[in-house]
């Protein structure tokens, strides 16, 4: 927040930023649907939380359209970013202190790379955890075929706490998985 904005606020002047929202900034107040659980998982994997905004970046326009629809975003464009030799990516920025505060309360924090954890039952109900996991897979998941057995496996990466939670949930669903450390992150391998 800039100095001018602070002075304006102290003098009772509301900034345009605070007056106009082009999306539902209460979206994560209660994670009570498949879409909310999926998007929370996606944000845990590929979201960026800043003091005043949440942004989602993807090279997949379909993912961006899904996020836009879920939060009832009525803005008319995405920012397209390109970093060095990387592909162009779409960026959807949701400016809301309220949304940032709520996401922080439920574990999606600033500088989350080494801080994320599996959600508690009061944050994402048990019946919606599979949708949370789908979002996490859509953002940080991978699929691969093992050469020797030709079997298909999935993988997820994140903090050890997040991956241990994923493994426990998968085990409760009868799905075999293993977690191992890989440098500063942990990997959950799903499949035999």
C-alpha atoms as a PDB file:
ATOM      1  CA  UNK A   1       0.000   0.000   0.000  1.00  0.00           C
ATOM      2  CA  UNK A   2       1.482   3.318  -1.069  1.00  0.00           C
ATOM      3  CA  UNK A   3       1.907   6.443   1.015  1.00  0.00           C
ATOM      4  CA  UNK A   4      -0.790   8.349  -0.864  1.00  0.00           C
ATOM      5  CA  UNK A   5      -3.311   5.571  -0.182  1.00  0.00           C
ATOM      6  CA  UNK A   6      -2.427   5.607   3.538  1.00  0.00           C
ATOM      7  CA  UNK A   7      -2.940   9.389   3.760  1.00  0.00           C
ATOM      8  CA  UNK A   8      -6.240   9.132   1.875  1.00  0.00           C
ATOM      9  CA  UNK A   9      -7.479   6.372   4.183  1.00  0.00           C
ATOM     10  CA  UNK A  10      -6.514   8.314   7.329  1.00  0.00           C
ATOM     11  CA  UNK A  11      -8.585  11.213   6.006  1.00  0.00           C
ATOM     12  CA  UNK A  12     -11.624   9.064   5.311  1.00  0.00           C
ATOM     13  CA  UNK A  13     -11.214   8.916   1.540  1.00  0.00           C
ATOM     14  CA  UNK A  14     -12.009   5.516   0.041  1.00  0.00           C
ATOM     15  CA  UNK A  15      -9.804   4.465  -2.837  1.00  0.00           C
ATOM     16  CA  UNK A  16     -11.217   3.114  -6.108  1.00  0.00           C
ATOM     17  CA  UNK A  17      -9.526  -0.188  -5.270  1.00  0.00           C
ATOM     18  CA  UNK A  18     -11.777  -0.592  -2.251  1.00  0.00           C
ATOM     19  CA  UNK A  19     -14.957   0.553  -3.988  1.00  0.00           C
ATOM     20  CA  UNK A  20     -14.918  -1.685  -7.035  1.00  0.00           C
ATOM     21  CA  UNK A  21     -14.597  -5.448  -7.090  1.00  0.00           C
ATOM     22  CA  UNK A  22     -15.266  -7.378 -10.257  1.00  0.00           C
ATOM     23  CA  UNK A  23     -15.472 -10.793  -8.559  1.00  0.00           C
ATOM     24  CA  UNK A  24     -16.854 -12.502  -5.452  1.00  0.00           C
ATOM     25  CA  UNK A  25     -14.270 -11.725  -2.783  1.00  0.00           C
ATOM     26  CA  UNK A  26     -16.235 -13.847  -0.270  1.00  0.00           C
ATOM     27  CA  UNK A  27     -15.627 -16.922  -2.421  1.00  0.00           C
ATOM     28  CA  UNK A  28     -13.408 -18.724   0.121  1.00  0.00           C
ATOM     29  CA  UNK A  29     -15.353 -17.698   3.235  1.00  0.00           C
ATOM     30  CA  UNK A  30     -16.915 -21.159   3.303  1.00  0.00           C
ATOM     31  CA  UNK A  31     -15.515 -23.956   1.146  1.00  0.00           C
ATOM     32  CA  UNK A  32     -18.784 -25.772   0.573  1.00  0.00           C
ATOM     33  CA  UNK A  33     -18.694 -26.813  -3.081  1.00  0.00           C
ATOM     34  CA  UNK A  34     -16.601 -28.883  -5.478  1.00  0.00           C
ATOM     35  CA  UNK A  35     -15.549 -25.741  -7.343  1.00  0.00           C
ATOM     36  CA  UNK A  36     -14.359 -23.929  -4.222  1.00  0.00           C
ATOM     37  CA  UNK A  37     -12.407 -26.976  -3.029  1.00  0.00           C
ATOM     38  CA  UNK A  38     -10.846 -27.445  -6.487  1.00  0.00           C
ATOM     39  CA  UNK A  39      -9.832 -23.781  -6.746  1.00  0.00           C
ATOM     40  CA  UNK A  40      -8.365 -23.800  -3.226  1.00  0.00           C
ATOM     41  CA  UNK A  41      -6.243 -26.822  -4.198  1.00  0.00           C
ATOM     42  CA  UNK A  42      -5.212 -25.076  -7.404  1.00  0.00           C
ATOM     43  CA  UNK A  43      -4.183 -21.951  -5.464  1.00  0.00           C
ATOM     44  CA  UNK A  44      -2.173 -24.015  -2.976  1.00  0.00           C
ATOM     45  CA  UNK A  45      -0.238 -25.370  -5.953  1.00  0.00           C
ATOM     46  CA  UNK A  46       0.025 -22.459  -8.370  1.00  0.00           C
ATOM     47  CA  UNK A  47      -1.454 -19.393  -6.721  1.00  0.00           C
ATOM     48  CA  UNK A  48       0.408 -16.338  -5.517  1.00  0.00           C
ATOM     49  CA  UNK A  49      -0.769 -14.527  -2.404  1.00  0.00           C
ATOM     50  CA  UNK A  50       0.371 -10.945  -1.834  1.00  0.00           C
ATOM     51  CA  UNK A  51      -0.703  -8.472   0.869  1.00  0.00           C
ATOM     52  CA  UNK A  52      -3.576  -7.070  -1.225  1.00  0.00           C
ATOM     53  CA  UNK A  53      -4.175  -9.618  -3.965  1.00  0.00           C
ATOM     54  CA  UNK A  54      -4.271 -13.201  -5.096  1.00  0.00           C
ATOM     55  CA  UNK A  55      -3.096 -14.121  -8.563  1.00  0.00           C
ATOM     56  CA  UNK A  56      -3.398 -17.260 -10.620  1.00  0.00           C
ATOM     57  CA  UNK A  57      -1.057 -17.964 -13.505  1.00  0.00           C
ATOM     58  CA  UNK A  58      -1.452 -20.667 -16.126  1.00  0.00           C
ATOM     59  CA  UNK A  59      -0.530 -21.382 -19.732  1.00  0.00           C
ATOM     60  CA  UNK A  60      -3.906 -23.112 -19.986  1.00  0.00           C
ATOM     61  CA  UNK A  61      -6.680 -20.688 -20.972  1.00  0.00           C
ATOM     62  CA  UNK A  62      -9.314 -23.293 -20.023  1.00  0.00           C
ATOM     63  CA  UNK A  63      -8.055 -23.264 -16.409  1.00  0.00           C
ATOM     64  CA  UNK A  64      -8.220 -19.466 -16.367  1.00  0.00           C
ATOM     65  CA  UNK A  65     -11.768 -19.479 -17.719  1.00  0.00           C
ATOM     66  CA  UNK A  66     -12.776 -22.004 -15.053  1.00  0.00           C
ATOM     67  CA  UNK A  67     -11.285 -19.832 -12.275  1.00  0.00           C
ATOM     68  CA  UNK A  68     -12.912 -16.720 -13.729  1.00  0.00           C
ATOM     69  CA  UNK A  69     -16.321 -18.403 -13.788  1.00  0.00           C
ATOM     70  CA  UNK A  70     -15.985 -19.842 -10.278  1.00  0.00           C
ATOM     71  CA  UNK A  71     -15.271 -16.462  -8.639  1.00  0.00           C
ATOM     72  CA  UNK A  72     -17.821 -14.652 -10.849  1.00  0.00           C
ATOM     73  CA  UNK A  73     -15.074 -12.480 -12.338  1.00  0.00           C
ATOM     74  CA  UNK A  74     -16.621  -9.874 -14.635  1.00  0.00           C
ATOM     75  CA  UNK A  75     -13.438  -8.158 -15.759  1.00  0.00           C
ATOM     76  CA  UNK A  76     -12.864  -8.247 -19.478  1.00  0.00           C
ATOM     77  CA  UNK A  77      -9.278  -9.443 -19.787  1.00  0.00           C
ATOM     78  CA  UNK A  78      -6.340 -11.358 -18.442  1.00  0.00           C
ATOM     79  CA  UNK A  79      -2.815 -10.137 -18.316  1.00  0.00           C
ATOM     80  CA  UNK A  80      -0.494 -12.158 -20.501  1.00  0.00           C
ATOM     81  CA  UNK A  81       2.991 -12.538 -19.077  1.00  0.00           C
ATOM     82  CA  UNK A  82       6.144 -13.952 -20.586  1.00  0.00           C
ATOM     83  CA  UNK A  83       9.263 -14.569 -18.536  1.00  0.00           C
ATOM     84  CA  UNK A  84      12.423 -15.101 -20.559  1.00  0.00           C
ATOM     85  CA  UNK A  85      12.179 -18.202 -22.706  1.00  0.00           C
ATOM     86  CA  UNK A  86       9.046 -19.502 -20.969  1.00  0.00           C
ATOM     87  CA  UNK A  87       5.724 -19.760 -22.778  1.00  0.00           C
ATOM     88  CA  UNK A  88       3.224 -16.972 -22.483  1.00  0.00           C
ATOM     89  CA  UNK A  89       0.983 -17.420 -19.483  1.00  0.00           C
ATOM     90  CA  UNK A  90      -2.358 -15.943 -18.489  1.00  0.00           C
ATOM     91  CA  UNK A  91      -2.544 -14.133 -15.164  1.00  0.00           C
ATOM     92  CA  UNK A  92      -5.781 -13.470 -13.303  1.00  0.00           C
ATOM     93  CA  UNK A  93      -5.325 -10.987 -10.451  1.00  0.00           C
ATOM     94  CA  UNK A  94      -7.978 -10.771  -7.737  1.00  0.00           C
ATOM     95  CA  UNK A  95      -7.398  -7.655  -5.631  1.00  0.00           C
ATOM     96  CA  UNK A  96      -9.006  -8.150  -2.241  1.00  0.00           C
ATOM     97  CA  UNK A  97      -7.602  -7.819   1.258  1.00  0.00           C
ATOM     98  CA  UNK A  98     -10.580  -9.833   2.495  1.00  0.00           C
ATOM     99  CA  UNK A  99      -9.775 -12.782   0.214  1.00  0.00           C
ATOM    100  CA  UNK A 100      -6.088 -12.640   1.194  1.00  0.00           C
ATOM    101  CA  UNK A 101      -7.020 -12.650   4.886  1.00  0.00           C
ATOM    102  CA  UNK A 102      -9.341 -15.628   4.466  1.00  0.00           C
ATOM    103  CA  UNK A 103      -6.864 -17.630   2.385  1.00  0.00           C
ATOM    104  CA  UNK A 104      -4.172 -16.946   4.986  1.00  0.00           C
ATOM    105  CA  UNK A 105      -6.500 -18.248   7.726  1.00  0.00           C
ATOM    106  CA  UNK A 106      -6.976 -21.534   5.875  1.00  0.00           C
ATOM    107  CA  UNK A 107      -3.333 -22.106   4.987  1.00  0.00           C
ATOM    108  CA  UNK A 108      -2.700 -20.425   1.629  1.00  0.00           C
ATOM    109  CA  UNK A 109      -0.156 -17.847   2.764  1.00  0.00           C
ATOM    110  CA  UNK A 110       2.335 -15.429   1.241  1.00  0.00           C
ATOM    111  CA  UNK A 111       5.628 -17.098   0.318  1.00  0.00           C
ATOM    112  CA  UNK A 112       3.789 -20.412   0.594  1.00  0.00           C
ATOM    113  CA  UNK A 113       6.350 -22.572  -1.214  1.00  0.00           C
ATOM    114  CA  UNK A 114       7.740 -24.051   2.003  1.00  0.00           C
ATOM    115  CA  UNK A 115       4.777 -23.321   4.299  1.00  0.00           C
ATOM    116  CA  UNK A 116       1.697 -25.080   2.880  1.00  0.00           C
ATOM    117  CA  UNK A 117      -0.084 -27.818   4.765  1.00  0.00           C
ATOM    118  CA  UNK A 118      -2.996 -30.150   4.157  1.00  0.00           C
ATOM    119  CA  UNK A 119      -6.314 -28.447   5.037  1.00  0.00           C
ATOM    120  CA  UNK A 120      -8.048 -29.152   8.328  1.00  0.00           C
ATOM    121  CA  UNK A 121     -11.596 -30.620   8.286  1.00  0.00           C
ATOM    122  CA  UNK A 122     -13.131 -27.270   9.296  1.00  0.00           C
ATOM    123  CA  UNK A 123     -11.448 -25.683   6.239  1.00  0.00           C
ATOM    124  CA  UNK A 124     -12.269 -28.268   3.577  1.00  0.00           C
ATOM    125  CA  UNK A 125     -14.877 -30.881   4.562  1.00  0.00           C
ATOM    126  CA  UNK A 126     -13.972 -34.554   4.070  1.00  0.00           C
ATOM    127  CA  UNK A 127     -16.516 -34.964   1.261  1.00  0.00           C
ATOM    128  CA  UNK A 128     -14.743 -32.213  -0.748  1.00  0.00           C
ATOM    129  CA  UNK A 129     -11.117 -33.277  -0.198  1.00  0.00           C
ATOM    130  CA  UNK A 130     -11.010 -35.205  -3.488  1.00  0.00           C
ATOM    131  CA  UNK A 131     -11.829 -31.959  -5.301  1.00  0.00           C
ATOM    132  CA  UNK A 132      -9.093 -30.148  -3.353  1.00  0.00           C
ATOM    133  CA  UNK A 133      -6.717 -32.893  -4.501  1.00  0.00           C
ATOM    134  CA  UNK A 134      -7.911 -32.495  -8.118  1.00  0.00           C
ATOM    135  CA  UNK A 135      -7.015 -28.802  -7.956  1.00  0.00           C
ATOM    136  CA  UNK A 136      -3.618 -29.628  -6.523  1.00  0.00           C
ATOM    137  CA  UNK A 137      -3.060 -32.186  -9.299  1.00  0.00           C
ATOM    138  CA  UNK A 138      -4.137 -29.691 -11.966  1.00  0.00           C
ATOM    139  CA  UNK A 139      -1.559 -27.213 -10.690  1.00  0.00           C
ATOM    140  CA  UNK A 140       1.374 -29.240  -9.333  1.00  0.00           C
ATOM    141  CA  UNK A 141       0.663 -32.743 -10.538  1.00  0.00           C
ATOM    142  CA  UNK A 142       2.353 -34.918 -13.119  1.00  0.00           C
ATOM    143  CA  UNK A 143       1.588 -38.157 -14.914  1.00  0.00           C
ATOM    144  CA  UNK A 144       4.203 -40.568 -16.158  1.00  0.00           C
ATOM    145  CA  UNK A 145       4.652 -44.114 -17.433  1.00  0.00           C
ATOM    146  CA  UNK A 146       7.286 -46.295 -15.822  1.00  0.00           C
ATOM    147  CA  UNK A 147       9.441 -47.871 -18.530  1.00  0.00           C
ATOM    148  CA  UNK A 148       9.974 -51.248 -16.905  1.00  0.00           C
ATOM    149  CA  UNK A 149       6.369 -52.009 -15.961  1.00  0.00           C
ATOM    150  CA  UNK A 150       4.516 -49.677 -18.342  1.00  0.00           C
ATOM    151  CA  UNK A 151       2.330 -48.691 -15.394  1.00  0.00           C
ATOM    152  CA  UNK A 152       0.932 -45.182 -15.120  1.00  0.00           C
ATOM    153  CA  UNK A 153       1.727 -43.178 -12.017  1.00  0.00           C
ATOM    154  CA  UNK A 154       0.829 -39.722 -10.790  1.00  0.00           C
ATOM    155  CA  UNK A 155       2.978 -37.425  -8.745  1.00  0.00           C
ATOM    156  CA  UNK A 156       2.449 -34.336  -6.627  1.00  0.00           C
ATOM    157  CA  UNK A 157       5.024 -32.002  -5.151  1.00  0.00           C
ATOM    158  CA  UNK A 158       4.854 -29.685  -2.172  1.00  0.00           C
ATOM    159  CA  UNK A 159       5.845 -29.387   1.454  1.00  0.00           C
ATOM    160  CA  UNK A 160       6.307 -32.545   3.498  1.00  0.00           C
ATOM    161  CA  UNK A 161       3.281 -31.574   5.604  1.00  0.00           C
ATOM    162  CA  UNK A 162       1.076 -31.177   2.512  1.00  0.00           C
ATOM    163  CA  UNK A 163       2.313 -34.427   0.942  1.00  0.00           C
ATOM    164  CA  UNK A 164       1.874 -36.409   4.198  1.00  0.00           C
ATOM    165  CA  UNK A 165      -1.713 -35.118   4.361  1.00  0.00           C
ATOM    166  CA  UNK A 166      -2.307 -36.162   0.744  1.00  0.00           C
ATOM    167  CA  UNK A 167      -0.929 -39.627   1.492  1.00  0.00           C
ATOM    168  CA  UNK A 168      -3.187 -40.017   4.541  1.00  0.00           C
ATOM    169  CA  UNK A 169      -6.232 -38.947   2.555  1.00  0.00           C
ATOM    170  CA  UNK A 170      -5.375 -41.298  -0.326  1.00  0.00           C
ATOM    171  CA  UNK A 171      -4.887 -44.192   2.121  1.00  0.00           C
ATOM    172  CA  UNK A 172      -8.333 -43.479   3.593  1.00  0.00           C
ATOM    173  CA  UNK A 173      -9.697 -43.956   0.059  1.00  0.00           C
ATOM    174  CA  UNK A 174      -7.790 -47.236  -0.450  1.00  0.00           C
ATOM    175  CA  UNK A 175      -5.232 -45.679  -2.804  1.00  0.00           C
ATOM    176  CA  UNK A 176      -1.586 -46.685  -2.449  1.00  0.00           C
ATOM    177  CA  UNK A 177       0.935 -43.846  -2.407  1.00  0.00           C
ATOM    178  CA  UNK A 178       4.376 -43.060  -1.062  1.00  0.00           C
ATOM    179  CA  UNK A 179       6.060 -39.835  -0.015  1.00  0.00           C
ATOM    180  CA  UNK A 180       9.746 -39.099  -0.364  1.00  0.00           C
ATOM    181  CA  UNK A 181      11.915 -36.017   0.032  1.00  0.00           C
ATOM    182  CA  UNK A 182      13.501 -34.409  -2.996  1.00  0.00           C
ATOM    183  CA  UNK A 183      15.672 -31.465  -1.966  1.00  0.00           C
ATOM    184  CA  UNK A 184      13.510 -28.824  -0.285  1.00  0.00           C
ATOM    185  CA  UNK A 185      10.236 -30.401  -1.383  1.00  0.00           C
ATOM    186  CA  UNK A 186       8.436 -33.683  -0.911  1.00  0.00           C
ATOM    187  CA  UNK A 187       6.931 -35.811  -3.667  1.00  0.00           C
ATOM    188  CA  UNK A 188       3.872 -38.017  -3.364  1.00  0.00           C
ATOM    189  CA  UNK A 189       3.929 -40.866  -5.857  1.00  0.00           C
ATOM    190  CA  UNK A 190       0.511 -42.373  -6.492  1.00  0.00           C
ATOM    191  CA  UNK A 191       0.299 -45.845  -7.980  1.00  0.00           C
ATOM    192  CA  UNK A 192       2.197 -49.102  -7.754  1.00  0.00           C
END
